[in-house]
Amino acid sequence: LRVIKIKPNDYTVDSLVSLIDDIAPVPSKITILGAGNIGLKSAIALVEEGHEVIVHSRNSDKAQISIKGLSNLFHYERSKLSYQT
């Protein structure tokens, strides 16, 4: 099992997705810590690249509303974009 810790706020969404594409085969299971602006935008971009993404957040209501909204808006399968608290 390979674990890579990346702090999303240190990257732009494009550079983060590019970095993950360089080090992780598609499809991969990726966990993002934080349901903020960068975390959610990165999650969307990674799902579009074919990865399975789980977003962790301290605020379960925010994560749940954000992920459900994104899944409905972009028609993602629930198995591709999910959240945990």
PDB file of N, CA and C in Angstrom:
ATOM      1  N   LEU A   1       0.853  -1.181   0.000  1.00  0.00           N
ATOM      2  CA  LEU A   1       0.000   0.000   0.000  1.00  0.00           C
ATOM      3  C   LEU A   1       0.890   1.231   0.000  1.00  0.00           C
ATOM      4  N   ARG A   2       0.634   2.127  -0.896  1.00  0.00           N
ATOM      5  CA  ARG A   2       1.432   3.339  -1.019  1.00  0.00           C
ATOM      6  C   ARG A   2       0.625   4.521  -0.499  1.00  0.00           C
ATOM      7  N   VAL A   3       1.172   5.248   0.437  1.00  0.00           N
ATOM      8  CA  VAL A   3       0.506   6.410   1.012  1.00  0.00           C
ATOM      9  C   VAL A   3       1.352   7.641   0.719  1.00  0.00           C
ATOM     10  N   ILE A   4       0.723   8.621   0.161  1.00  0.00           N
ATOM     11  CA  ILE A   4       1.404   9.870  -0.148  1.00  0.00           C
ATOM     12  C   ILE A   4       0.622  10.990   0.518  1.00  0.00           C
ATOM     13  N   LYS A   5       1.294  11.773   1.329  1.00  0.00           N
ATOM     14  CA  LYS A   5       0.644  12.889   2.009  1.00  0.00           C
ATOM     15  C   LYS A   5       0.961  14.173   1.260  1.00  0.00           C
ATOM     16  N   ILE A   6      -0.089  14.845   0.838  1.00  0.00           N
ATOM     17  CA  ILE A   6       0.068  16.102   0.111  1.00  0.00           C
ATOM     18  C   ILE A   6      -0.861  17.117   0.750  1.00  0.00           C
ATOM     19  N   LYS A   7      -0.360  18.293   0.986  1.00  0.00           N
ATOM     20  CA  LYS A   7      -1.171  19.364   1.561  1.00  0.00           C
ATOM     21  C   LYS A   7      -1.739  20.193   0.406  1.00  0.00           C
ATOM     22  N   PRO A   8      -3.067  20.070   0.141  1.00  0.00           N
ATOM     23  CA  PRO A   8      -3.636  20.723  -1.048  1.00  0.00           C
ATOM     24  C   PRO A   8      -3.404  22.222  -1.120  1.00  0.00           C
ATOM     25  N   ASN A   9      -3.383  22.927  -0.006  1.00  0.00           N
ATOM     26  CA  ASN A   9      -3.242  24.378  -0.060  1.00  0.00           C
ATOM     27  C   ASN A   9      -1.868  24.842  -0.512  1.00  0.00           C
ATOM     28  N   ASP A  10      -0.908  23.915  -0.615  1.00  0.00           N
ATOM     29  CA  ASP A  10       0.408  24.271  -1.125  1.00  0.00           C
ATOM     30  C   ASP A  10       0.480  24.222  -2.651  1.00  0.00           C
ATOM     31  N   TYR A  11      -0.613  23.861  -3.305  1.00  0.00           N
ATOM     32  CA  TYR A  11      -0.635  23.677  -4.750  1.00  0.00           C
ATOM     33  C   TYR A  11      -1.828  24.400  -5.361  1.00  0.00           C
ATOM     34  N   THR A  12      -1.724  24.671  -6.650  1.00  0.00           N
ATOM     35  CA  THR A  12      -2.921  25.039  -7.401  1.00  0.00           C
ATOM     36  C   THR A  12      -3.597  23.729  -7.769  1.00  0.00           C
ATOM     37  N   VAL A  13      -4.854  23.768  -8.158  1.00  0.00           N
ATOM     38  CA  VAL A  13      -5.557  22.542  -8.531  1.00  0.00           C
ATOM     39  C   VAL A  13      -4.845  21.859  -9.691  1.00  0.00           C
ATOM     40  N   ASP A  14      -4.464  22.617 -10.706  1.00  0.00           N
ATOM     41  CA  ASP A  14      -3.793  22.025 -11.867  1.00  0.00           C
ATOM     42  C   ASP A  14      -2.471  21.372 -11.506  1.00  0.00           C
ATOM     43  N   SER A  15      -1.675  22.031 -10.660  1.00  0.00           N
ATOM     44  CA  SER A  15      -0.384  21.450 -10.300  1.00  0.00           C
ATOM     45  C   SER A  15      -0.555  20.227  -9.409  1.00  0.00           C
ATOM     46  N   LEU A  16      -1.573  20.222  -8.568  1.00  0.00           N
ATOM     47  CA  LEU A  16      -1.837  19.063  -7.720  1.00  0.00           C
ATOM     48  C   LEU A  16      -2.266  17.865  -8.558  1.00  0.00           C
ATOM     49  N   VAL A  17      -3.159  18.086  -9.509  1.00  0.00           N
ATOM     50  CA  VAL A  17      -3.612  17.004 -10.386  1.00  0.00           C
ATOM     51  C   VAL A  17      -2.447  16.486 -11.225  1.00  0.00           C
ATOM     52  N   SER A  18      -1.621  17.384 -11.719  1.00  0.00           N
ATOM     53  CA  SER A  18      -0.452  16.984 -12.502  1.00  0.00           C
ATOM     54  C   SER A  18       0.504  16.140 -11.667  1.00  0.00           C
ATOM     55  N   LEU A  19       0.745  16.545 -10.432  1.00  0.00           N
ATOM     56  CA  LEU A  19       1.617  15.793  -9.536  1.00  0.00           C
ATOM     57  C   LEU A  19       1.067  14.387  -9.288  1.00  0.00           C
ATOM     58  N   ILE A  20      -0.219  14.295  -9.007  1.00  0.00           N
ATOM     59  CA  ILE A  20      -0.817  12.989  -8.738  1.00  0.00           C
ATOM     60  C   ILE A  20      -0.787  12.128  -9.989  1.00  0.00           C
ATOM     61  N   ASP A  21      -1.032  12.702 -11.148  1.00  0.00           N
ATOM     62  CA  ASP A  21      -0.948  11.934 -12.391  1.00  0.00           C
ATOM     63  C   ASP A  21       0.446  11.373 -12.611  1.00  0.00           C
ATOM     64  N   ASP A  22       1.472  12.115 -12.185  1.00  0.00           N
ATOM     65  CA  ASP A  22       2.853  11.655 -12.346  1.00  0.00           C
ATOM     66  C   ASP A  22       3.212  10.515 -11.401  1.00  0.00           C
ATOM     67  N   ILE A  23       2.601  10.472 -10.216  1.00  0.00           N
ATOM     68  CA  ILE A  23       3.029   9.490  -9.215  1.00  0.00           C
ATOM     69  C   ILE A  23       2.022   8.377  -8.958  1.00  0.00           C
ATOM     70  N   ALA A  24       0.797   8.511  -9.444  1.00  0.00           N
ATOM     71  CA  ALA A  24      -0.231   7.509  -9.158  1.00  0.00           C
ATOM     72  C   ALA A  24      -0.835   7.003 -10.463  1.00  0.00           C
ATOM     73  N   PRO A  25      -0.896   5.682 -10.623  1.00  0.00           N
ATOM     74  CA  PRO A  25      -1.526   5.156 -11.831  1.00  0.00           C
ATOM     75  C   PRO A  25      -3.031   5.427 -11.818  1.00  0.00           C
ATOM     76  N   VAL A  26      -3.614   5.510 -12.995  1.00  0.00           N
ATOM     77  CA  VAL A  26      -5.067   5.695 -13.100  1.00  0.00           C
ATOM     78  C   VAL A  26      -5.677   4.331 -13.340  1.00  0.00           C
ATOM     79  N   PRO A  27      -6.702   3.915 -12.660  1.00  0.00           N
ATOM     80  CA  PRO A  27      -7.338   4.609 -11.551  1.00  0.00           C
ATOM     81  C   PRO A  27      -6.660   4.300 -10.230  1.00  0.00           C
ATOM     82  N   SER A  28      -6.688   5.250  -9.321  1.00  0.00           N
ATOM     83  CA  SER A  28      -6.165   5.079  -7.967  1.00  0.00           C
ATOM     84  C   SER A  28      -7.207   5.555  -6.978  1.00  0.00           C
ATOM     85  N   LYS A  29      -7.078   5.086  -5.744  1.00  0.00           N
ATOM     86  CA  LYS A  29      -7.916   5.590  -4.660  1.00  0.00           C
ATOM     87  C   LYS A  29      -7.148   6.704  -3.976  1.00  0.00           C
ATOM     88  N   ILE A  30      -7.751   7.885  -3.914  1.00  0.00           N
ATOM     89  CA  ILE A  30      -7.083   9.058  -3.371  1.00  0.00           C
ATOM     90  C   ILE A  30      -7.960   9.662  -2.285  1.00  0.00           C
ATOM     91  N   THR A  31      -7.335  10.036  -1.180  1.00  0.00           N
ATOM     92  CA  THR A  31      -8.035  10.693  -0.087  1.00  0.00           C
ATOM     93  C   THR A  31      -7.556  12.134   0.009  1.00  0.00           C
ATOM     94  N   ILE A  32      -8.495  13.046   0.095  1.00  0.00           N
ATOM     95  CA  ILE A  32      -8.186  14.459   0.252  1.00  0.00           C
ATOM     96  C   ILE A  32      -8.673  14.885   1.627  1.00  0.00           C
ATOM     97  N   LEU A  33      -7.796  15.512   2.385  1.00  0.00           N
ATOM     98  CA  LEU A  33      -8.151  16.000   3.711  1.00  0.00           C
ATOM     99  C   LEU A  33      -8.585  17.445   3.600  1.00  0.00           C
ATOM    100  N   GLY A  34      -9.864  17.685   3.809  1.00  0.00           N
ATOM    101  CA  GLY A  34     -10.402  19.035   3.762  1.00  0.00           C
ATOM    102  C   GLY A  34     -11.388  19.217   2.632  1.00  0.00           C
ATOM    103  N   ALA A  35     -12.569  19.747   2.974  1.00  0.00           N
ATOM    104  CA  ALA A  35     -13.622  19.987   1.985  1.00  0.00           C
ATOM    105  C   ALA A  35     -13.723  21.472   1.649  1.00  0.00           C
ATOM    106  N   GLY A  36     -12.574  22.128   1.688  1.00  0.00           N
ATOM    107  CA  GLY A  36     -12.542  23.543   1.329  1.00  0.00           C
ATOM    108  C   GLY A  36     -12.470  23.720  -0.176  1.00  0.00           C
ATOM    109  N   ASN A  37     -12.219  24.941  -0.592  1.00  0.00           N
ATOM    110  CA  ASN A  37     -12.197  25.295  -2.002  1.00  0.00           C
ATOM    111  C   ASN A  37     -11.202  24.447  -2.801  1.00  0.00           C
ATOM    112  N   ILE A  38      -9.957  24.393  -2.357  1.00  0.00           N
ATOM    113  CA  ILE A  38      -8.927  23.645  -3.076  1.00  0.00           C
ATOM    114  C   ILE A  38      -9.205  22.141  -3.018  1.00  0.00           C
ATOM    115  N   GLY A  39      -9.595  21.640  -1.849  1.00  0.00           N
ATOM    116  CA  GLY A  39      -9.870  20.219  -1.701  1.00  0.00           C
ATOM    117  C   GLY A  39     -10.982  19.738  -2.615  1.00  0.00           C
ATOM    118  N   LEU A  40     -12.079  20.477  -2.674  1.00  0.00           N
ATOM    119  CA  LEU A  40     -13.210  20.069  -3.519  1.00  0.00           C
ATOM    120  C   LEU A  40     -12.902  20.216  -5.008  1.00  0.00           C
ATOM    121  N   LYS A  41     -12.224  21.296  -5.374  1.00  0.00           N
ATOM    122  CA  LYS A  41     -11.851  21.458  -6.784  1.00  0.00           C
ATOM    123  C   LYS A  41     -10.875  20.373  -7.218  1.00  0.00           C
ATOM    124  N   SER A  42      -9.962  20.019  -6.337  1.00  0.00           N
ATOM    125  CA  SER A  42      -9.021  18.934  -6.639  1.00  0.00           C
ATOM    126  C   SER A  42      -9.755  17.608  -6.770  1.00  0.00           C
ATOM    127  N   ALA A  43     -10.730  17.378  -5.889  1.00  0.00           N
ATOM    128  CA  ALA A  43     -11.519  16.140  -5.953  1.00  0.00           C
ATOM    129  C   ALA A  43     -12.230  16.025  -7.291  1.00  0.00           C
ATOM    130  N   ILE A  44     -12.844  17.106  -7.740  1.00  0.00           N
ATOM    131  CA  ILE A  44     -13.535  17.096  -9.032  1.00  0.00           C
ATOM    132  C   ILE A  44     -12.564  16.757 -10.158  1.00  0.00           C
ATOM    133  N   ALA A  45     -11.429  17.438 -10.181  1.00  0.00           N
ATOM    134  CA  ALA A  45     -10.448  17.229 -11.246  1.00  0.00           C
ATOM    135  C   ALA A  45      -9.917  15.792 -11.240  1.00  0.00           C
ATOM    136  N   LEU A  46      -9.684  15.230 -10.059  1.00  0.00           N
ATOM    137  CA  LEU A  46      -9.157  13.875  -9.977  1.00  0.00           C
ATOM    138  C   LEU A  46     -10.189  12.836 -10.396  1.00  0.00           C
ATOM    139  N   VAL A  47     -11.453  13.053 -10.051  1.00  0.00           N
ATOM    140  CA  VAL A  47     -12.511  12.145 -10.509  1.00  0.00           C
ATOM    141  C   VAL A  47     -12.609  12.195 -12.028  1.00  0.00           C
ATOM    142  N   GLU A  48     -12.495  13.385 -12.585  1.00  0.00           N
ATOM    143  CA  GLU A  48     -12.537  13.518 -14.043  1.00  0.00           C
ATOM    144  C   GLU A  48     -11.365  12.796 -14.710  1.00  0.00           C
ATOM    145  N   GLU A  49     -10.248  12.668 -13.996  1.00  0.00           N
ATOM    146  CA  GLU A  49      -9.086  11.936 -14.513  1.00  0.00           C
ATOM    147  C   GLU A  49      -9.251  10.425 -14.378  1.00  0.00           C
ATOM    148  N   GLY A  50     -10.290   9.978 -13.638  1.00  0.00           N
ATOM    149  CA  GLY A  50     -10.544   8.552 -13.497  1.00  0.00           C
ATOM    150  C   GLY A  50     -10.213   7.966 -12.141  1.00  0.00           C
ATOM    151  N   HIS A  51      -9.817   8.809 -11.181  1.00  0.00           N
ATOM    152  CA  HIS A  51      -9.493   8.337  -9.845  1.00  0.00           C
ATOM    153  C   HIS A  51     -10.754   8.212  -8.991  1.00  0.00           C
ATOM    154  N   GLU A  52     -10.669   7.402  -7.957  1.00  0.00           N
ATOM    155  CA  GLU A  52     -11.717   7.318  -6.943  1.00  0.00           C
ATOM    156  C   GLU A  52     -11.269   8.201  -5.789  1.00  0.00           C
ATOM    157  N   VAL A  53     -12.104   9.148  -5.375  1.00  0.00           N
ATOM    158  CA  VAL A  53     -11.691  10.145  -4.396  1.00  0.00           C
ATOM    159  C   VAL A  53     -12.617  10.127  -3.180  1.00  0.00           C
ATOM    160  N   ILE A  54     -11.997  10.141  -2.001  1.00  0.00           N
ATOM    161  CA  ILE A  54     -12.716  10.296  -0.744  1.00  0.00           C
ATOM    162  C   ILE A  54     -12.249  11.607  -0.128  1.00  0.00           C
ATOM    163  N   VAL A  55     -13.194  12.454   0.244  1.00  0.00           N
ATOM    164  CA  VAL A  55     -12.879  13.722   0.881  1.00  0.00           C
ATOM    165  C   VAL A  55     -13.185  13.597   2.366  1.00  0.00           C
ATOM    166  N   HIS A  56     -12.193  13.859   3.208  1.00  0.00           N
ATOM    167  CA  HIS A  56     -12.374  13.863   4.657  1.00  0.00           C
ATOM    168  C   HIS A  56     -12.544  15.298   5.116  1.00  0.00           C
ATOM    169  N   SER A  57     -13.441  15.493   6.066  1.00  0.00           N
ATOM    170  CA  SER A  57     -13.661  16.831   6.602  1.00  0.00           C
ATOM    171  C   SER A  57     -14.057  16.752   8.059  1.00  0.00           C
ATOM    172  N   ARG A  58     -13.644  17.760   8.826  1.00  0.00           N
ATOM    173  CA  ARG A  58     -14.076  17.846  10.228  1.00  0.00           C
ATOM    174  C   ARG A  58     -15.543  18.221  10.314  1.00  0.00           C
ATOM    175  N   ASN A  59     -16.040  18.911   9.319  1.00  0.00           N
ATOM    176  CA  ASN A  59     -17.423  19.366   9.311  1.00  0.00           C
ATOM    177  C   ASN A  59     -18.237  18.440   8.407  1.00  0.00           C
ATOM    178  N   SER A  60     -18.914  17.462   9.014  1.00  0.00           N
ATOM    179  CA  SER A  60     -19.624  16.453   8.224  1.00  0.00           C
ATOM    180  C   SER A  60     -20.762  17.053   7.409  1.00  0.00           C
ATOM    181  N   ASP A  61     -21.446  18.065   7.943  1.00  0.00           N
ATOM    182  CA  ASP A  61     -22.545  18.678   7.194  1.00  0.00           C
ATOM    183  C   ASP A  61     -22.029  19.348   5.918  1.00  0.00           C
ATOM    184  N   LYS A  62     -20.938  20.085   6.040  1.00  0.00           N
ATOM    185  CA  LYS A  62     -20.364  20.764   4.873  1.00  0.00           C
ATOM    186  C   LYS A  62     -19.915  19.750   3.835  1.00  0.00           C
ATOM    187  N   ALA A  63     -19.223  18.708   4.269  1.00  0.00           N
ATOM    188  CA  ALA A  63     -18.732  17.701   3.337  1.00  0.00           C
ATOM    189  C   ALA A  63     -19.882  16.984   2.652  1.00  0.00           C
ATOM    190  N   GLN A  64     -20.880  16.597   3.422  1.00  0.00           N
ATOM    191  CA  GLN A  64     -22.015  15.867   2.865  1.00  0.00           C
ATOM    192  C   GLN A  64     -22.766  16.709   1.828  1.00  0.00           C
ATOM    193  N   ILE A  65     -23.049  17.946   2.164  1.00  0.00           N
ATOM    194  CA  ILE A  65     -23.762  18.827   1.238  1.00  0.00           C
ATOM    195  C   ILE A  65     -22.921  19.078  -0.015  1.00  0.00           C
ATOM    196  N   SER A  66     -21.637  19.332   0.165  1.00  0.00           N
ATOM    197  CA  SER A  66     -20.756  19.624  -0.974  1.00  0.00           C
ATOM    198  C   SER A  66     -20.637  18.432  -1.906  1.00  0.00           C
ATOM    199  N   ILE A  67     -20.390  17.257  -1.363  1.00  0.00           N
ATOM    200  CA  ILE A  67     -20.198  16.062  -2.186  1.00  0.00           C
ATOM    201  C   ILE A  67     -21.498  15.667  -2.883  1.00  0.00           C
ATOM    202  N   LYS A  68     -22.618  15.713  -2.173  1.00  0.00           N
ATOM    203  CA  LYS A  68     -23.900  15.393  -2.818  1.00  0.00           C
ATOM    204  C   LYS A  68     -24.190  16.375  -3.941  1.00  0.00           C
ATOM    205  N   GLY A  69     -23.930  17.646  -3.703  1.00  0.00           N
ATOM    206  CA  GLY A  69     -24.152  18.656  -4.731  1.00  0.00           C
ATOM    207  C   GLY A  69     -23.261  18.441  -5.938  1.00  0.00           C
ATOM    208  N   LEU A  70     -21.991  18.150  -5.700  1.00  0.00           N
ATOM    209  CA  LEU A  70     -21.056  17.915  -6.802  1.00  0.00           C
ATOM    210  C   LEU A  70     -21.431  16.661  -7.580  1.00  0.00           C
ATOM    211  N   SER A  71     -21.812  15.607  -6.866  1.00  0.00           N
ATOM    212  CA  SER A  71     -22.190  14.357  -7.527  1.00  0.00           C
ATOM    213  C   SER A  71     -23.404  14.578  -8.427  1.00  0.00           C
ATOM    214  N   ASN A  72     -24.368  15.329  -7.933  1.00  0.00           N
ATOM    215  CA  ASN A  72     -25.562  15.604  -8.737  1.00  0.00           C
ATOM    216  C   ASN A  72     -25.250  16.537  -9.897  1.00  0.00           C
ATOM    217  N   LEU A  73     -24.457  17.558  -9.634  1.00  0.00           N
ATOM    218  CA  LEU A  73     -24.135  18.543 -10.658  1.00  0.00           C
ATOM    219  C   LEU A  73     -23.344  17.929 -11.807  1.00  0.00           C
ATOM    220  N   PHE A  74     -22.366  17.112 -11.474  1.00  0.00           N
ATOM    221  CA  PHE A  74     -21.495  16.542 -12.492  1.00  0.00           C
ATOM    222  C   PHE A  74     -21.847  15.094 -12.836  1.00  0.00           C
ATOM    223  N   HIS A  75     -22.900  14.575 -12.212  1.00  0.00           N
ATOM    224  CA  HIS A  75     -23.386  13.212 -12.473  1.00  0.00           C
ATOM    225  C   HIS A  75     -22.314  12.153 -12.212  1.00  0.00           C
ATOM    226  N   TYR A  76     -21.581  12.327 -11.114  1.00  0.00           N
ATOM    227  CA  TYR A  76     -20.584  11.337 -10.742  1.00  0.00           C
ATOM    228  C   TYR A  76     -21.260  10.166 -10.058  1.00  0.00           C
ATOM    229  N   GLU A  77     -20.705   8.992 -10.284  1.00  0.00           N
ATOM    230  CA  GLU A  77     -21.166   7.830  -9.530  1.00  0.00           C
ATOM    231  C   GLU A  77     -20.774   8.039  -8.081  1.00  0.00           C
ATOM    232  N   ARG A  78     -21.638   7.605  -7.180  1.00  0.00           N
ATOM    233  CA  ARG A  78     -21.337   7.735  -5.740  1.00  0.00           C
ATOM    234  C   ARG A  78     -20.032   7.018  -5.394  1.00  0.00           C
ATOM    235  N   SER A  79     -19.708   5.965  -6.111  1.00  0.00           N
ATOM    236  CA  SER A  79     -18.488   5.220  -5.793  1.00  0.00           C
ATOM    237  C   SER A  79     -17.226   5.973  -6.191  1.00  0.00           C
ATOM    238  N   LYS A  80     -17.333   6.978  -7.037  1.00  0.00           N
ATOM    239  CA  LYS A  80     -16.160   7.720  -7.482  1.00  0.00           C
ATOM    240  C   LYS A  80     -15.826   8.929  -6.614  1.00  0.00           C
ATOM    241  N   LEU A  81     -16.837   9.510  -5.971  1.00  0.00           N
ATOM    242  CA  LEU A  81     -16.621  10.699  -5.148  1.00  0.00           C
ATOM    243  C   LEU A  81     -17.457  10.554  -3.894  1.00  0.00           C
ATOM    244  N   SER A  82     -16.782  10.459  -2.745  1.00  0.00           N
ATOM    245  CA  SER A  82     -17.507  10.269  -1.491  1.00  0.00           C
ATOM    246  C   SER A  82     -16.833  11.089  -0.398  1.00  0.00           C
ATOM    247  N   TYR A  83     -17.439  11.045   0.801  1.00  0.00           N
ATOM    248  CA  TYR A  83     -16.870  11.803   1.904  1.00  0.00           C
ATOM    249  C   TYR A  83     -16.856  10.949   3.161  1.00  0.00           C
ATOM    250  N   GLN A  84     -15.994  11.314   4.069  1.00  0.00           N
ATOM    251  CA  GLN A  84     -15.947  10.713   5.415  1.00  0.00           C
ATOM    252  C   GLN A  84     -15.583  11.819   6.376  1.00  0.00           C
ATOM    253  N   THR A  85     -16.011  11.632   7.635  1.00  0.00           N
ATOM    254  CA  THR A  85     -15.668  12.613   8.653  1.00  0.00           C
ATOM    255  C   THR A  85     -14.786  11.981   9.705  1.00  0.00           C
TER     256      THR A  85
END
